[in-house]
Amino acid sequence: DSSQYPRLEAYVKSIVGAFGRDKRVLGWDVWNEPDNINRGSYEDLEPKNKVALILALLPKVFEWAREAHPTQPLTSGVWKGGWSSRDKLDAMEKIQIEMSDVISFHSYDKPEDFEKRILWLQPYHRPILCTEYMARGNGSTFQGSLPIAKKYHVAAINWGLVAGKTQTYLPWDSWQHPYTDREPAIWFHEIFRTDGIPYRQEEAEFIREIIGRK
């Protein structure tokens, strides 16, 4: 509803304006996976023309955030498809990459595919951040991804720490098959159990080693 744009503009500018010089904020991911229609979860709740709506709105969100003059960079992470050349980018990905100060991406892939995606993004000559990774059951692990990220000086952010209310230790299929009476055979995400004990001790030790913490 474009009649709501002024309200959205005020919201973006107020938030970015309030924290645009806050050293605790590393950057602004202005829209997470903007063209994700959430198949298999809550697709029925999404507008049927969601992608078209966001294609019109996303550039404005970048502009509004930039007009608030933050000291931190803006980004919106690409997350699907192939980015090996500009010709292979779809309309949304072109907006995301062209309007981002730093390039961010998501990858829940095995190490060789994780590395391939980094190589695809290097020609843009901007800092690269992987803002979503690590899905054990999909072959995306700390041991597989972090050495590659370190090799190419790519920041890597996993968004889970302790198995808690977000329940992101549950795999994607929990939308269809809730784990109400059992723990999944392999945790999707998270590092620690609720009592602070690592889910996998070797993972915790590896993370401390690769980031130089003992």
C-alpha atoms as a PDB file:
ATOM      1  CA  ASP A   1       0.000   0.000   0.000  1.00  0.00           C
ATOM      2  CA  SER A   2       1.983   2.982  -1.259  1.00  0.00           C
ATOM      3  CA  SER A   3      -0.217   5.301   0.791  1.00  0.00           C
ATOM      4  CA  GLN A   4       1.706   3.961   3.801  1.00  0.00           C
ATOM      5  CA  TYR A   5       5.093   5.013   2.414  1.00  0.00           C
ATOM      6  CA  PRO A   6       5.242   8.220   4.514  1.00  0.00           C
ATOM      7  CA  ARG A   7       4.680   6.193   7.679  1.00  0.00           C
ATOM      8  CA  LEU A   8       7.357   3.689   6.671  1.00  0.00           C
ATOM      9  CA  GLU A   9       9.754   6.493   5.749  1.00  0.00           C
ATOM     10  CA  ALA A  10       9.295   8.077   9.166  1.00  0.00           C
ATOM     11  CA  TYR A  11       9.915   4.725  10.845  1.00  0.00           C
ATOM     12  CA  VAL A  12      13.131   4.024   8.920  1.00  0.00           C
ATOM     13  CA  LYS A  13      14.522   7.506   9.426  1.00  0.00           C
ATOM     14  CA  SER A  14      13.681   7.547  13.129  1.00  0.00           C
ATOM     15  CA  ILE A  15      15.380   4.209  13.839  1.00  0.00           C
ATOM     16  CA  VAL A  16      18.450   4.803  11.685  1.00  0.00           C
ATOM     17  CA  GLY A  17      18.660   8.392  12.881  1.00  0.00           C
ATOM     18  CA  ALA A  18      18.554   7.324  16.524  1.00  0.00           C
ATOM     19  CA  PHE A  19      21.306   4.719  16.213  1.00  0.00           C
ATOM     20  CA  GLY A  20      23.195   5.919  13.142  1.00  0.00           C
ATOM     21  CA  ARG A  21      26.265   6.862  15.183  1.00  0.00           C
ATOM     22  CA  ASP A  22      26.002   4.154  17.800  1.00  0.00           C
ATOM     23  CA  LYS A  23      29.248   2.161  17.888  1.00  0.00           C
ATOM     24  CA  ARG A  24      27.319  -0.959  18.880  1.00  0.00           C
ATOM     25  CA  VAL A  25      25.717  -1.026  15.422  1.00  0.00           C
ATOM     26  CA  LEU A  26      28.027  -2.530  12.799  1.00  0.00           C
ATOM     27  CA  GLY A  27      25.747  -1.949   9.822  1.00  0.00           C
ATOM     28  CA  TRP A  28      22.150  -1.809   8.636  1.00  0.00           C
ATOM     29  CA  ASP A  29      20.639  -4.825   6.897  1.00  0.00           C
ATOM     30  CA  VAL A  30      17.753  -2.820   5.497  1.00  0.00           C
ATOM     31  CA  TRP A  31      15.702  -5.810   4.296  1.00  0.00           C
ATOM     32  CA  ASN A  32      16.293  -9.476   5.025  1.00  0.00           C
ATOM     33  CA  GLU A  33      15.700 -11.803   2.060  1.00  0.00           C
ATOM     34  CA  PRO A  34      13.240  -9.374   0.456  1.00  0.00           C
ATOM     35  CA  ASP A  35      12.039 -11.816  -2.202  1.00  0.00           C
ATOM     36  CA  ASN A  36      11.673 -14.836   0.075  1.00  0.00           C
ATOM     37  CA  ILE A  37       8.054 -15.976  -0.217  1.00  0.00           C
ATOM     38  CA  ASN A  38       8.550 -18.523   2.581  1.00  0.00           C
ATOM     39  CA  ARG A  39       7.441 -21.665   0.806  1.00  0.00           C
ATOM     40  CA  GLY A  40       6.676 -24.477   3.202  1.00  0.00           C
ATOM     41  CA  SER A  41       6.127 -22.205   6.193  1.00  0.00           C
ATOM     42  CA  TYR A  42       3.838 -19.168   5.986  1.00  0.00           C
ATOM     43  CA  GLU A  43       3.585 -18.647   2.236  1.00  0.00           C
ATOM     44  CA  ASP A  44      -0.219 -18.434   2.455  1.00  0.00           C
ATOM     45  CA  LEU A  45       0.093 -15.293   4.581  1.00  0.00           C
ATOM     46  CA  GLU A  46       2.285 -13.469   2.077  1.00  0.00           C
ATOM     47  CA  PRO A  47       0.854 -11.126  -0.590  1.00  0.00           C
ATOM     48  CA  LYS A  48       0.642 -12.888  -3.934  1.00  0.00           C
ATOM     49  CA  ASN A  49       2.522 -10.002  -5.541  1.00  0.00           C
ATOM     50  CA  LYS A  50       5.068  -9.643  -2.730  1.00  0.00           C
ATOM     51  CA  VAL A  51       8.109  -9.510  -5.010  1.00  0.00           C
ATOM     52  CA  ALA A  52       6.636  -6.781  -7.206  1.00  0.00           C
ATOM     53  CA  LEU A  53       5.692  -4.740  -4.148  1.00  0.00           C
ATOM     54  CA  ILE A  54       9.179  -4.971  -2.678  1.00  0.00           C
ATOM     55  CA  LEU A  55      10.897  -4.206  -5.981  1.00  0.00           C
ATOM     56  CA  ALA A  56       9.187  -0.821  -5.774  1.00  0.00           C
ATOM     57  CA  LEU A  57       9.791  -0.310  -2.058  1.00  0.00           C
ATOM     58  CA  LEU A  58      13.334  -1.590  -1.470  1.00  0.00           C
ATOM     59  CA  PRO A  59      15.135   1.262  -3.294  1.00  0.00           C
ATOM     60  CA  LYS A  60      13.137   3.751  -1.253  1.00  0.00           C
ATOM     61  CA  VAL A  61      14.129   2.022   1.989  1.00  0.00           C
ATOM     62  CA  PHE A  62      17.794   2.342   1.028  1.00  0.00           C
ATOM     63  CA  GLU A  63      17.256   6.016   0.202  1.00  0.00           C
ATOM     64  CA  TRP A  64      15.415   6.732   3.456  1.00  0.00           C
ATOM     65  CA  ALA A  65      18.093   5.017   5.526  1.00  0.00           C
ATOM     66  CA  ARG A  66      20.845   6.898   3.697  1.00  0.00           C
ATOM     67  CA  GLU A  67      19.066  10.227   4.207  1.00  0.00           C
ATOM     68  CA  ALA A  68      19.356   9.632   7.962  1.00  0.00           C
ATOM     69  CA  HIS A  69      23.156   9.914   7.479  1.00  0.00           C
ATOM     70  CA  PRO A  70      24.312   6.863   9.444  1.00  0.00           C
ATOM     71  CA  THR A  71      28.028   6.332   9.924  1.00  0.00           C
ATOM     72  CA  GLN A  72      27.506   2.588   9.456  1.00  0.00           C
ATOM     73  CA  PRO A  73      27.169   0.937   6.028  1.00  0.00           C
ATOM     74  CA  LEU A  74      23.894  -0.207   4.484  1.00  0.00           C
ATOM     75  CA  THR A  75      23.310  -3.633   2.968  1.00  0.00           C
ATOM     76  CA  SER A  76      20.695  -6.202   1.976  1.00  0.00           C
ATOM     77  CA  GLY A  77      21.875  -9.772   1.662  1.00  0.00           C
ATOM     78  CA  VAL A  78      21.533 -11.812  -1.516  1.00  0.00           C
ATOM     79  CA  TRP A  79      20.595 -15.362  -0.677  1.00  0.00           C
ATOM     80  CA  LYS A  80      19.581 -17.507  -3.655  1.00  0.00           C
ATOM     81  CA  GLY A  81      20.470 -18.162  -7.264  1.00  0.00           C
ATOM     82  CA  GLY A  82      23.785 -17.583  -8.996  1.00  0.00           C
ATOM     83  CA  TRP A  83      25.752 -14.334  -8.815  1.00  0.00           C
ATOM     84  CA  SER A  84      28.701 -15.245 -11.029  1.00  0.00           C
ATOM     85  CA  SER A  85      27.990 -12.301 -13.348  1.00  0.00           C
ATOM     86  CA  ARG A  86      25.733  -9.275 -13.358  1.00  0.00           C
ATOM     87  CA  ASP A  87      23.745 -10.802 -16.219  1.00  0.00           C
ATOM     88  CA  LYS A  88      22.692 -13.649 -13.930  1.00  0.00           C
ATOM     89  CA  LEU A  89      21.302 -11.377 -11.223  1.00  0.00           C
ATOM     90  CA  ASP A  90      17.556 -10.963 -11.055  1.00  0.00           C
ATOM     91  CA  ALA A  91      15.965  -7.544 -10.558  1.00  0.00           C
ATOM     92  CA  MET A  92      15.946  -7.788  -6.756  1.00  0.00           C
ATOM     93  CA  GLU A  93      19.567  -8.895  -6.534  1.00  0.00           C
ATOM     94  CA  LYS A  94      20.658  -6.010  -8.752  1.00  0.00           C
ATOM     95  CA  ILE A  95      19.019  -3.538  -6.379  1.00  0.00           C
ATOM     96  CA  GLN A  96      20.504  -5.256  -3.344  1.00  0.00           C
ATOM     97  CA  ILE A  97      24.056  -5.282  -4.672  1.00  0.00           C
ATOM     98  CA  GLU A  98      24.036  -1.913  -6.416  1.00  0.00           C
ATOM     99  CA  MET A  99      22.612  -0.035  -3.433  1.00  0.00           C
ATOM    100  CA  SER A 100      24.640  -1.788  -0.718  1.00  0.00           C
ATOM    101  CA  ASP A 101      27.724  -0.134   0.767  1.00  0.00           C
ATOM    102  CA  VAL A 102      29.018  -3.556   1.791  1.00  0.00           C
ATOM    103  CA  ILE A 103      28.011  -6.838   0.161  1.00  0.00           C
ATOM    104  CA  SER A 104      26.215  -9.353   2.346  1.00  0.00           C
ATOM    105  CA  PHE A 105      25.008 -12.822   1.514  1.00  0.00           C
ATOM    106  CA  HIS A 106      23.501 -15.963   3.008  1.00  0.00           C
ATOM    107  CA  SER A 107      24.812 -19.470   2.469  1.00  0.00           C
ATOM    108  CA  TYR A 108      23.717 -22.682   4.129  1.00  0.00           C
ATOM    109  CA  ASP A 109      25.844 -24.643   1.690  1.00  0.00           C
ATOM    110  CA  LYS A 110      28.701 -27.097   1.882  1.00  0.00           C
ATOM    111  CA  PRO A 111      32.217 -25.577   1.988  1.00  0.00           C
ATOM    112  CA  GLU A 112      32.872 -25.728  -1.757  1.00  0.00           C
ATOM    113  CA  ASP A 113      29.647 -23.853  -2.533  1.00  0.00           C
ATOM    114  CA  PHE A 114      30.246 -21.380   0.292  1.00  0.00           C
ATOM    115  CA  GLU A 115      33.626 -20.547  -1.235  1.00  0.00           C
ATOM    116  CA  LYS A 116      32.139 -20.280  -4.726  1.00  0.00           C
ATOM    117  CA  ARG A 117      29.668 -17.652  -3.559  1.00  0.00           C
ATOM    118  CA  ILE A 118      32.441 -15.566  -2.030  1.00  0.00           C
ATOM    119  CA  LEU A 119      34.381 -15.704  -5.300  1.00  0.00           C
ATOM    120  CA  TRP A 120      31.276 -14.593  -7.198  1.00  0.00           C
ATOM    121  CA  LEU A 121      30.984 -11.487  -5.005  1.00  0.00           C
ATOM    122  CA  GLN A 122      34.642 -10.455  -4.928  1.00  0.00           C
ATOM    123  CA  PRO A 123      34.544  -8.585  -8.288  1.00  0.00           C
ATOM    124  CA  TYR A 124      32.348  -5.902  -6.689  1.00  0.00           C
ATOM    125  CA  HIS A 125      35.402  -4.834  -4.652  1.00  0.00           C
ATOM    126  CA  ARG A 126      33.479  -4.136  -1.483  1.00  0.00           C
ATOM    127  CA  PRO A 127      33.772  -5.676   1.985  1.00  0.00           C
ATOM    128  CA  ILE A 128      31.838  -8.950   2.164  1.00  0.00           C
ATOM    129  CA  LEU A 129      29.802 -10.252   5.082  1.00  0.00           C
ATOM    130  CA  CYS A 130      28.075 -13.606   5.328  1.00  0.00           C
ATOM    131  CA  THR A 131      25.145 -12.747   7.577  1.00  0.00           C
ATOM    132  CA  GLU A 132      23.567 -16.218   7.643  1.00  0.00           C
ATOM    133  CA  TYR A 133      25.276 -19.599   7.551  1.00  0.00           C
ATOM    134  CA  MET A 134      25.542 -22.838   9.531  1.00  0.00           C
ATOM    135  CA  ALA A 135      22.976 -25.584   9.013  1.00  0.00           C
ATOM    136  CA  ARG A 136      24.522 -28.799  10.246  1.00  0.00           C
ATOM    137  CA  GLY A 137      22.054 -31.094   8.514  1.00  0.00           C
ATOM    138  CA  ASN A 138      22.683 -29.323   5.210  1.00  0.00           C
ATOM    139  CA  GLY A 139      26.458 -29.701   5.379  1.00  0.00           C
ATOM    140  CA  SER A 140      27.076 -26.106   6.493  1.00  0.00           C
ATOM    141  CA  THR A 141      29.250 -26.168   9.616  1.00  0.00           C
ATOM    142  CA  PHE A 142      31.603 -23.964  11.593  1.00  0.00           C
ATOM    143  CA  GLN A 143      34.533 -26.208  10.680  1.00  0.00           C
ATOM    144  CA  GLY A 144      33.632 -26.058   6.997  1.00  0.00           C
ATOM    145  CA  SER A 145      32.759 -22.374   6.608  1.00  0.00           C
ATOM    146  CA  LEU A 146      34.923 -20.389   9.018  1.00  0.00           C
ATOM    147  CA  PRO A 147      38.347 -21.319   7.566  1.00  0.00           C
ATOM    148  CA  ILE A 148      37.121 -20.220   4.125  1.00  0.00           C
ATOM    149  CA  ALA A 149      35.704 -16.973   5.481  1.00  0.00           C
ATOM    150  CA  LYS A 150      38.986 -16.287   7.263  1.00  0.00           C
ATOM    151  CA  LYS A 151      40.980 -17.045   4.099  1.00  0.00           C
ATOM    152  CA  TYR A 152      39.064 -14.414   2.106  1.00  0.00           C
ATOM    153  CA  HIS A 153      38.646 -11.906   4.971  1.00  0.00           C
ATOM    154  CA  VAL A 154      34.876 -12.337   4.957  1.00  0.00           C
ATOM    155  CA  ALA A 155      32.923 -11.608   8.125  1.00  0.00           C
ATOM    156  CA  ALA A 156      30.729 -14.530   9.185  1.00  0.00           C
ATOM    157  CA  ILE A 157      27.733 -14.078  11.465  1.00  0.00           C
ATOM    158  CA  ASN A 158      25.780 -17.010  12.816  1.00  0.00           C
ATOM    159  CA  TRP A 159      22.597 -15.746  14.377  1.00  0.00           C
ATOM    160  CA  GLY A 160      22.090 -18.416  17.029  1.00  0.00           C
ATOM    161  CA  LEU A 161      23.950 -19.014  20.285  1.00  0.00           C
ATOM    162  CA  VAL A 162      21.832 -20.782  22.910  1.00  0.00           C
ATOM    163  CA  ALA A 163      18.899 -23.132  22.305  1.00  0.00           C
ATOM    164  CA  GLY A 164      16.075 -20.930  23.519  1.00  0.00           C
ATOM    165  CA  LYS A 165      12.746 -19.381  22.637  1.00  0.00           C
ATOM    166  CA  THR A 166      13.626 -18.807  18.982  1.00  0.00           C
ATOM    167  CA  GLN A 167      13.930 -22.601  18.582  1.00  0.00           C
ATOM    168  CA  THR A 168      16.410 -22.271  15.743  1.00  0.00           C
ATOM    169  CA  TYR A 169      18.154 -25.451  16.790  1.00  0.00           C
ATOM    170  CA  LEU A 170      15.187 -27.116  15.074  1.00  0.00           C
ATOM    171  CA  PRO A 171      15.611 -27.890  11.346  1.00  0.00           C
ATOM    172  CA  TRP A 172      13.595 -26.361   8.516  1.00  0.00           C
ATOM    173  CA  ASP A 173      11.241 -29.342   8.379  1.00  0.00           C
ATOM    174  CA  SER A 174       9.947 -28.473  11.847  1.00  0.00           C
ATOM    175  CA  TRP A 175       7.390 -26.274  10.050  1.00  0.00           C
ATOM    176  CA  GLN A 176       5.819 -29.457   8.702  1.00  0.00           C
ATOM    177  CA  HIS A 177       6.848 -31.879  11.470  1.00  0.00           C
ATOM    178  CA  PRO A 178       7.017 -30.111  14.852  1.00  0.00           C
ATOM    179  CA  TYR A 179       9.547 -31.574  17.285  1.00  0.00           C
ATOM    180  CA  THR A 180       7.212 -31.333  20.254  1.00  0.00           C
ATOM    181  CA  ASP A 181       8.116 -34.678  21.794  1.00  0.00           C
ATOM    182  CA  ARG A 182      11.763 -35.129  20.871  1.00  0.00           C
ATOM    183  CA  GLU A 183      15.024 -33.401  20.055  1.00  0.00           C
ATOM    184  CA  PRO A 184      16.088 -33.455  16.385  1.00  0.00           C
ATOM    185  CA  ALA A 185      18.747 -35.988  15.471  1.00  0.00           C
ATOM    186  CA  ILE A 186      20.988 -33.104  14.354  1.00  0.00           C
ATOM    187  CA  TRP A 187      20.614 -29.555  15.592  1.00  0.00           C
ATOM    188  CA  PHE A 188      20.127 -27.026  12.813  1.00  0.00           C
ATOM    189  CA  HIS A 189      21.759 -24.072  14.559  1.00  0.00           C
ATOM    190  CA  GLU A 190      22.860 -22.900  18.046  1.00  0.00           C
ATOM    191  CA  ILE A 191      26.081 -23.652  19.892  1.00  0.00           C
ATOM    192  CA  PHE A 192      25.030 -24.132  23.523  1.00  0.00           C
ATOM    193  CA  ARG A 193      22.322 -25.982  25.368  1.00  0.00           C
ATOM    194  CA  THR A 194      20.231 -24.012  27.849  1.00  0.00           C
ATOM    195  CA  ASP A 195      22.588 -25.007  30.680  1.00  0.00           C
ATOM    196  CA  GLY A 196      25.596 -23.544  28.861  1.00  0.00           C
ATOM    197  CA  ILE A 197      27.090 -26.878  27.825  1.00  0.00           C
ATOM    198  CA  PRO A 198      28.149 -26.944  24.145  1.00  0.00           C
ATOM    199  CA  TYR A 199      26.004 -29.031  21.819  1.00  0.00           C
ATOM    200  CA  ARG A 200      29.258 -30.314  20.344  1.00  0.00           C
ATOM    201  CA  GLN A 201      32.360 -29.725  22.431  1.00  0.00           C
ATOM    202  CA  GLU A 202      34.650 -29.983  19.413  1.00  0.00           C
ATOM    203  CA  GLU A 203      32.768 -27.129  17.729  1.00  0.00           C
ATOM    204  CA  ALA A 204      33.198 -24.831  20.707  1.00  0.00           C
ATOM    205  CA  GLU A 205      36.904 -25.628  20.880  1.00  0.00           C
ATOM    206  CA  PHE A 206      37.284 -25.045  17.141  1.00  0.00           C
ATOM    207  CA  ILE A 207      35.552 -21.647  17.318  1.00  0.00           C
ATOM    208  CA  ARG A 208      37.795 -20.518  20.178  1.00  0.00           C
ATOM    209  CA  GLU A 209      40.862 -21.635  18.250  1.00  0.00           C
ATOM    210  CA  ILE A 210      40.021 -20.001  14.916  1.00  0.00           C
ATOM    211  CA  ILE A 211      39.132 -16.641  16.485  1.00  0.00           C
ATOM    212  CA  GLY A 212      42.155 -16.755  18.775  1.00  0.00           C
ATOM    213  CA  ARG A 213      40.311 -17.172  22.067  1.00  0.00           C
ATOM    214  CA  LYS A 214      41.260 -19.814  24.615  1.00  0.00           C
END
